[in-house]
Protein backbone atom coordinates (compact mmCIF):
# COMPACT_ATOMS: atom_id res chain seq x y z
CA UNK A 1 15.15 -72.47 74.71
CA UNK A 2 18.00 -74.74 73.62
CA UNK A 3 18.50 -78.34 74.55
CA UNK A 4 20.53 -79.24 77.59
CA UNK A 5 24.10 -80.22 76.96
CA UNK A 6 23.66 -83.61 78.62
CA UNK A 7 23.10 -85.07 75.18
CA UNK A 8 26.16 -84.11 73.16
CA UNK A 9 27.88 -85.04 69.95
CA UNK A 10 29.72 -87.75 71.84
CA UNK A 11 26.41 -89.17 72.97
CA UNK A 12 25.16 -89.23 69.38
CA UNK A 13 28.33 -90.94 68.22
CA UNK A 14 27.83 -93.59 70.88
CA UNK A 15 24.27 -94.17 69.77
CA UNK A 16 25.31 -94.60 66.16
CA UNK A 17 28.08 -97.01 67.11
CA UNK A 18 25.60 -99.02 69.13
CA UNK A 19 23.17 -99.25 66.26
CA UNK A 20 25.90 -100.30 63.84
CA UNK A 21 27.09 -103.20 65.98
CA UNK A 22 26.50 -106.55 64.23
CA UNK A 23 23.79 -108.49 65.98
CA UNK A 24 21.67 -110.49 63.50
CA UNK A 25 19.41 -111.63 66.33
CA UNK A 26 16.23 -112.02 64.29
CA UNK A 27 15.34 -114.29 61.41
CA UNK A 28 12.64 -113.38 58.95
CA UNK A 29 11.77 -112.54 55.37
CA UNK A 30 13.43 -109.92 53.20
CA UNK A 31 11.56 -106.61 53.51
CA UNK A 32 12.32 -103.21 52.01
CA UNK A 33 10.63 -100.11 53.40
CA UNK A 34 10.58 -96.67 51.81
CA UNK A 35 10.21 -93.61 54.06
CA UNK A 36 9.16 -90.33 52.45
CA UNK A 37 10.84 -87.21 53.83
CA UNK A 38 11.16 -83.57 52.85
CA UNK A 39 14.45 -81.69 53.10
CA UNK A 40 17.91 -83.18 53.48
CA UNK A 41 19.42 -85.38 56.23
CA UNK A 42 19.52 -83.38 59.47
CA UNK A 43 19.04 -83.63 63.22
CA UNK A 44 15.33 -84.44 62.83
CA UNK A 45 16.14 -87.44 60.65
CA UNK A 46 19.02 -88.79 62.74
CA UNK A 47 16.72 -91.00 64.81
CA UNK A 48 15.17 -92.77 61.86
CA UNK A 49 18.60 -93.23 60.29
CA UNK A 50 19.71 -94.85 63.56
CA UNK A 51 16.63 -97.08 63.45
CA UNK A 52 17.42 -98.14 59.89
CA UNK A 53 20.93 -99.18 60.95
CA UNK A 54 19.61 -101.02 64.00
CA UNK A 55 16.96 -102.91 62.05
CA UNK A 56 19.40 -103.96 59.37
CA UNK A 57 21.92 -105.15 61.96
CA UNK A 58 19.37 -107.10 63.97
CA UNK A 59 18.07 -108.93 60.89
CA UNK A 60 21.38 -109.45 59.06
CA UNK A 61 20.21 -107.04 56.38
CA UNK A 62 16.89 -108.75 55.71
CA UNK A 63 14.80 -105.81 56.92
CA UNK A 64 15.96 -102.68 55.13
CA UNK A 65 14.61 -99.17 55.74
CA UNK A 66 15.61 -96.34 53.44
CA UNK A 67 14.68 -92.69 53.86
CA UNK A 68 14.04 -90.92 50.57
CA UNK A 69 14.86 -87.24 51.06
CA UNK A 70 14.00 -84.00 49.27
CA UNK A 71 10.41 -85.08 48.50
CA UNK A 72 11.59 -87.78 46.08
CA UNK A 73 8.49 -89.86 46.78
CA UNK A 74 6.01 -86.97 46.86
CA UNK A 75 5.41 -83.41 48.08
CA UNK A 76 5.67 -82.82 51.84
CA UNK A 77 2.01 -81.82 52.07
CA UNK A 78 0.95 -85.08 50.40
CA UNK A 79 2.79 -87.63 52.52
CA UNK A 80 -0.42 -88.67 54.26
CA UNK A 81 -2.08 -89.14 50.87
CA UNK A 82 0.83 -91.34 49.84
CA UNK A 83 0.38 -93.53 52.90
CA UNK A 84 -3.31 -93.91 52.15
CA UNK A 85 -2.42 -95.03 48.63
CA UNK A 86 0.26 -97.43 49.97
CA UNK A 87 2.88 -95.59 47.93
CA UNK A 88 5.45 -95.99 50.70
CA UNK A 89 5.76 -97.57 54.14
CA UNK A 90 6.37 -94.53 56.33
CA UNK A 91 6.77 -90.78 56.27
CA UNK A 92 7.88 -87.71 58.10
CA UNK A 93 4.98 -85.31 58.45
CA UNK A 94 4.55 -81.80 59.81
CA UNK A 95 1.18 -81.15 61.40
CA UNK A 96 0.81 -77.56 60.20
CA UNK A 97 1.54 -78.45 56.57
CA UNK A 98 -1.98 -79.89 56.39
CA UNK A 99 -4.05 -78.90 59.46
CA UNK A 100 -7.28 -80.09 57.88
CA UNK A 101 -5.89 -83.60 57.52
CA UNK A 102 -4.80 -83.90 61.16
CA UNK A 103 -6.90 -81.47 63.22
CA UNK A 104 -6.21 -83.08 66.61
CA UNK A 105 -2.46 -82.92 65.93
CA UNK A 106 -2.69 -79.15 65.87
CA UNK A 107 -2.66 -79.22 69.68
CA UNK A 108 1.12 -79.59 69.35
CA UNK A 109 1.30 -76.16 67.69
CA UNK A 110 -0.63 -74.19 70.29
CA UNK A 111 1.52 -71.33 71.60
CA UNK A 112 3.03 -71.12 75.07
CA UNK A 113 2.10 -74.59 76.25
CA UNK A 114 3.74 -75.28 79.66
CA UNK A 115 6.67 -77.45 78.56
CA UNK A 116 9.70 -76.42 80.65
CA UNK A 117 12.46 -78.61 79.19
CA UNK A 118 13.24 -81.26 76.55
CA UNK A 119 12.71 -84.15 78.97
CA UNK A 120 9.18 -82.98 79.77
CA UNK A 121 8.54 -82.41 76.07
CA UNK A 122 9.56 -85.98 75.27
CA UNK A 123 7.29 -87.37 77.98
CA UNK A 124 4.26 -85.37 76.86
CA UNK A 125 4.66 -86.07 73.15
CA UNK A 126 5.21 -89.80 73.69
CA UNK A 127 2.04 -89.98 75.77
CA UNK A 128 0.06 -87.93 73.25
CA UNK A 129 1.09 -90.24 70.40
CA UNK A 130 -1.09 -92.85 72.09
CA UNK A 131 -4.10 -90.56 72.56
CA UNK A 132 -7.22 -91.83 70.75
CA UNK A 133 -7.76 -88.59 68.84
CA UNK A 134 -4.13 -88.47 67.67
CA UNK A 135 -4.35 -92.10 66.59
CA UNK A 136 -7.70 -91.52 64.88
CA UNK A 137 -6.32 -88.63 62.81
CA UNK A 138 -3.72 -90.97 61.35
CA UNK A 139 -6.10 -93.90 60.91
CA UNK A 140 -7.99 -91.86 58.31
CA UNK A 141 -4.81 -91.94 56.23
CA UNK A 142 -3.89 -95.59 56.77
CA UNK A 143 -1.16 -94.44 59.16
CA UNK A 144 0.05 -95.20 62.70
CA UNK A 145 1.79 -92.60 64.90
CA UNK A 146 5.30 -93.91 65.53
CA UNK A 147 7.55 -91.36 67.26
CA UNK A 148 7.68 -87.63 67.74
CA UNK A 149 10.24 -85.51 65.97
CA UNK A 150 10.81 -83.79 69.34
CA UNK A 151 11.18 -80.43 67.65
CA UNK A 152 12.81 -77.90 69.98
CA UNK A 153 11.09 -74.65 70.83
CA UNK A 154 10.81 -72.36 67.84
CA UNK A 155 12.60 -69.03 67.57
CA UNK A 156 12.41 -66.38 64.89
CA UNK A 157 15.03 -65.37 62.34
CA UNK A 158 14.49 -62.40 60.08
CA UNK A 159 15.75 -59.83 57.61
CA UNK A 160 15.72 -56.07 57.96
CA UNK A 161 15.05 -54.13 61.14
CA UNK A 162 14.76 -56.36 64.20
CA UNK A 163 11.44 -56.25 66.12
CA UNK A 164 12.70 -54.94 69.45
CA UNK A 165 9.18 -54.49 70.86
CA UNK A 166 5.95 -56.42 70.38
CA UNK A 167 4.56 -53.52 68.34
CA UNK A 168 7.43 -53.91 65.86
CA UNK A 169 5.95 -57.22 64.67
CA UNK A 170 3.04 -55.42 63.03
CA UNK A 171 3.16 -55.68 59.25
CA UNK A 172 5.82 -58.39 59.06
CA UNK A 173 5.33 -61.46 56.88
CA UNK A 174 6.07 -64.42 59.18
CA UNK A 175 6.47 -68.06 58.21
CA UNK A 176 4.73 -69.80 61.10
CA UNK A 177 2.04 -72.45 61.18
CA UNK A 178 -0.78 -73.51 63.45
CA UNK A 179 -1.42 -71.71 66.71
CA UNK A 180 1.98 -70.05 66.52
CA UNK A 181 0.96 -68.39 63.28
CA UNK A 182 -2.29 -67.32 64.90
CA UNK A 183 -0.31 -65.84 67.78
CA UNK A 184 1.80 -63.80 65.40
CA UNK A 185 -1.34 -62.47 63.74
CA UNK A 186 -2.44 -61.11 67.11
CA UNK A 187 0.70 -58.97 67.03
CA UNK A 188 -0.27 -57.61 63.62
CA UNK A 189 1.95 -59.87 61.54
CA UNK A 190 0.74 -61.83 58.51
CA UNK A 191 1.21 -65.59 58.79
CA UNK A 192 2.61 -67.64 55.93
CA UNK A 193 2.31 -71.45 56.16
CA UNK A 194 5.11 -72.40 53.82
CA UNK A 195 6.83 -75.77 53.95
CA UNK A 196 10.38 -75.75 55.25
CA UNK A 197 11.80 -76.26 51.77
CA UNK A 198 9.87 -73.30 50.35
CA UNK A 199 10.97 -70.83 53.01
CA UNK A 200 14.47 -69.96 51.81
CA UNK A 201 13.21 -68.95 48.37
CA UNK A 202 10.51 -66.81 49.97
CA UNK A 203 13.18 -65.19 52.14
CA UNK A 204 15.32 -64.47 49.12
CA UNK A 205 12.54 -62.94 47.02
CA UNK A 206 11.17 -60.83 49.87
CA UNK A 207 7.77 -62.46 50.29
CA UNK A 208 8.70 -63.54 53.84
CA UNK A 209 10.45 -61.32 56.40
CA UNK A 210 10.68 -63.74 59.31
CA UNK A 211 10.85 -67.53 59.65
CA UNK A 212 9.87 -69.48 62.75
CA UNK A 213 11.85 -72.71 62.95
CA UNK A 214 12.98 -75.14 65.65
CA UNK A 215 15.97 -73.49 67.32
CA UNK A 216 18.80 -73.84 66.42
CA UNK A 217 19.12 -76.73 64.01
CA UNK A 218 16.41 -75.95 61.44
CA UNK A 219 17.57 -72.38 60.77
CA UNK A 220 20.87 -73.90 59.64
CA UNK A 221 19.44 -77.01 57.96
CA UNK A 222 17.31 -74.85 55.68
CA UNK A 223 19.98 -72.12 55.32
CA UNK A 224 17.81 -69.35 56.75
CA UNK A 225 20.74 -67.99 58.77
CA UNK A 226 22.61 -67.25 55.53
CA UNK A 227 19.96 -64.67 54.57
CA UNK A 228 19.02 -63.34 58.02
CA UNK A 229 20.12 -60.27 59.95
CA UNK A 230 18.77 -61.10 63.41
CA UNK A 231 17.28 -63.84 65.58
CA UNK A 232 15.23 -64.10 68.77
CA UNK A 233 16.81 -66.13 71.54
CA UNK A 234 14.14 -66.28 74.26
CA UNK A 235 10.70 -65.80 72.68
CA UNK A 236 10.06 -69.58 72.97
CA UNK A 237 6.55 -69.27 71.57
CA UNK A 238 5.84 -72.94 70.97
CA UNK A 239 6.68 -75.78 68.65
CA UNK A 240 5.06 -78.16 66.17
CA UNK A 241 4.89 -81.88 65.57
CA UNK A 242 7.03 -82.97 62.68
CA UNK A 243 7.05 -86.62 63.57
CA UNK A 244 7.16 -90.05 62.01
CA UNK A 245 4.21 -92.19 61.03
CA UNK A 246 4.06 -95.70 59.59
CA UNK A 247 1.88 -97.20 56.90
CA UNK A 248 -0.73 -99.25 58.79
CA UNK A 249 -1.13 -101.84 56.03
CA UNK A 250 2.61 -102.33 55.72
CA UNK A 251 3.15 -102.53 59.49
CA UNK A 252 0.41 -105.12 59.96
CA UNK A 253 1.90 -107.19 57.12
CA UNK A 254 5.23 -107.50 58.93
CA UNK A 255 5.99 -110.67 60.89
CA UNK A 256 5.55 -110.18 64.61
CA UNK A 257 9.29 -110.12 65.30
CA UNK A 258 9.75 -107.21 62.89
CA UNK A 259 6.81 -105.33 64.39
CA UNK A 260 8.33 -105.76 67.86
CA UNK A 261 11.72 -104.63 66.55
CA UNK A 262 10.24 -101.35 65.35
CA UNK A 263 8.10 -100.76 68.43
CA UNK A 264 10.83 -101.65 70.92
CA UNK A 265 13.28 -99.17 69.39
CA UNK A 266 11.21 -96.01 69.64
CA UNK A 267 13.45 -94.77 72.46
CA UNK A 268 16.48 -95.28 70.22
CA UNK A 269 14.95 -92.88 67.70
CA UNK A 270 14.13 -90.30 70.36
CA UNK A 271 17.57 -90.56 72.00
CA UNK A 272 19.30 -89.99 68.67
CA UNK A 273 17.10 -86.99 67.86
CA UNK A 274 17.80 -85.31 71.19
CA UNK A 275 21.53 -85.95 70.93
CA UNK A 276 21.60 -84.51 67.41
CA UNK A 277 19.72 -81.35 68.44
CA UNK A 278 22.12 -80.78 71.34
CA UNK A 279 25.14 -81.26 69.10
CA UNK A 280 23.72 -78.75 66.63
CA UNK A 281 23.17 -76.19 69.40
CA UNK A 282 26.80 -76.42 70.45
CA UNK A 283 27.90 -75.66 66.89
CA UNK A 284 25.22 -73.18 65.81
CA UNK A 285 24.90 -70.83 68.77
CA UNK A 286 28.44 -69.42 68.42
CA UNK A 287 27.79 -68.96 64.69
CA UNK A 288 24.59 -67.00 65.33
CA UNK A 289 26.22 -64.88 68.02
CA UNK A 290 29.08 -63.99 65.70
CA UNK A 291 27.13 -63.15 62.54
CA UNK A 292 23.61 -62.07 63.60
CA UNK A 293 21.98 -59.58 65.97
CA UNK A 294 20.41 -61.25 68.99
CA UNK A 295 16.95 -60.05 70.03
CA UNK A 296 16.18 -60.85 73.65
CA UNK A 297 12.94 -59.71 75.26
CA UNK A 298 12.52 -58.75 78.89
CA UNK A 299 10.06 -60.57 81.12
CA UNK A 300 7.47 -57.81 80.86
CA UNK A 301 7.32 -58.15 77.07
CA UNK A 302 7.22 -61.94 77.26
CA UNK A 303 4.38 -61.91 79.77
CA UNK A 304 2.44 -59.48 77.56
CA UNK A 305 2.87 -61.83 74.59
CA UNK A 306 1.79 -64.88 76.61
CA UNK A 307 -1.29 -63.07 77.89
CA UNK A 308 -2.35 -61.95 74.43
CA UNK A 309 -1.42 -65.05 72.49
CA UNK A 310 -1.40 -68.02 74.86
CA UNK A 311 -4.62 -69.16 76.48
CA UNK A 312 -6.87 -67.12 74.13
CA UNK A 313 -5.50 -69.14 71.20
CA UNK A 314 -6.06 -72.40 73.12
CA UNK A 315 -9.68 -71.46 73.82
CA UNK A 316 -10.30 -70.46 70.22
CA UNK A 317 -8.81 -73.74 68.98
CA UNK A 318 -11.15 -75.72 71.23
CA UNK A 319 -14.16 -73.68 70.08
CA UNK A 320 -13.25 -74.08 66.40
CA UNK A 321 -12.90 -77.86 66.67
CA UNK A 322 -15.39 -78.94 69.33
CA UNK A 323 -17.96 -80.12 66.79
CA UNK A 324 -15.44 -82.34 64.97
CA UNK A 325 -13.65 -84.08 67.84
CA UNK A 326 -13.14 -83.73 71.58
CA UNK A 327 -10.75 -80.81 71.30
CA UNK A 328 -11.11 -79.90 74.97
CA UNK A 329 -10.27 -83.47 75.92
CA UNK A 330 -7.16 -83.41 73.72
CA UNK A 331 -5.98 -80.13 75.25
CA UNK A 332 -6.74 -81.36 78.77
CA UNK A 333 -4.74 -84.52 78.12
CA UNK A 334 -1.78 -82.50 76.90
CA UNK A 335 -1.88 -80.19 79.91
CA UNK A 336 -2.33 -83.15 82.24
CA UNK A 337 0.75 -84.91 80.87
CA UNK A 338 2.66 -81.64 81.13
CA UNK A 339 1.71 -81.43 84.81
CA UNK A 340 2.84 -85.03 85.33
CA UNK A 341 6.17 -84.28 83.68
CA UNK A 342 6.68 -81.19 85.83
CA UNK A 343 6.05 -83.23 88.98
CA UNK A 344 8.64 -85.88 88.14
């Protein structure tokens, strides 16, 4: 599933122009925030870059936010540890990089959750970022959930013979985390929970055959398409939460006007992310269609996959976590918000 074209490159350009407009509406102290991020600047990071511009403009440069890319401040799997140590003021995290550190967040990676479109996805994720269990997971690491990364539905990109049937997945080494990885195991594949930055090397040396990434932007951002032979276009097996969290100590130390500035601009971040994903789709889809083999499953195959790897994975996740937190309550909340979004 790709993003709707209502948010285009022109929309993104408008957002960036808006954030760059000189305002200097707020007075306050000089503050410099470091945000730890893995990988290079890309669609996922466009929202926080827009926020940094907005914050600087509103405070006449007194409140500066800088994203440090390529794991300059620490490994991707240790960003939560860095927040707990007050090593930086915010971070991009991916829930399946460290499932034991954020068990409730793994609800975002359950396969085949009923999210029909990007607008519904945004509604559900924004609501879930306020859920007590999601907040509690971050509190253990001196962190506050800020905004979702709004990752699009994942699709697969691989080398070698394309899996034209569900049985063809047996024996493949698949980079996929969380419930999506569990779903692939039910098809006979072996799951690999590599970070995004590690995946290209694994592709090149043959230890991974297939990579699940948010479609389409991440396959290009991490150069997977350069090594791949084929891609799936309609498997839409699920997503993950690679979102943004803030250092609780640092946030609470801000003057109230700076706290409000961050909190009141969450929609700005989300708007910029969605616009960037849509712009990437417009550019990437023709590239994929020209250079790679498209794998598109019929409805019978998709229904078989959903039956085998949808609700059974949900139920197992609840059973595995019920003694540690209210996993059923977290799942019910997610499904409830999804129903609300569908009714709007």
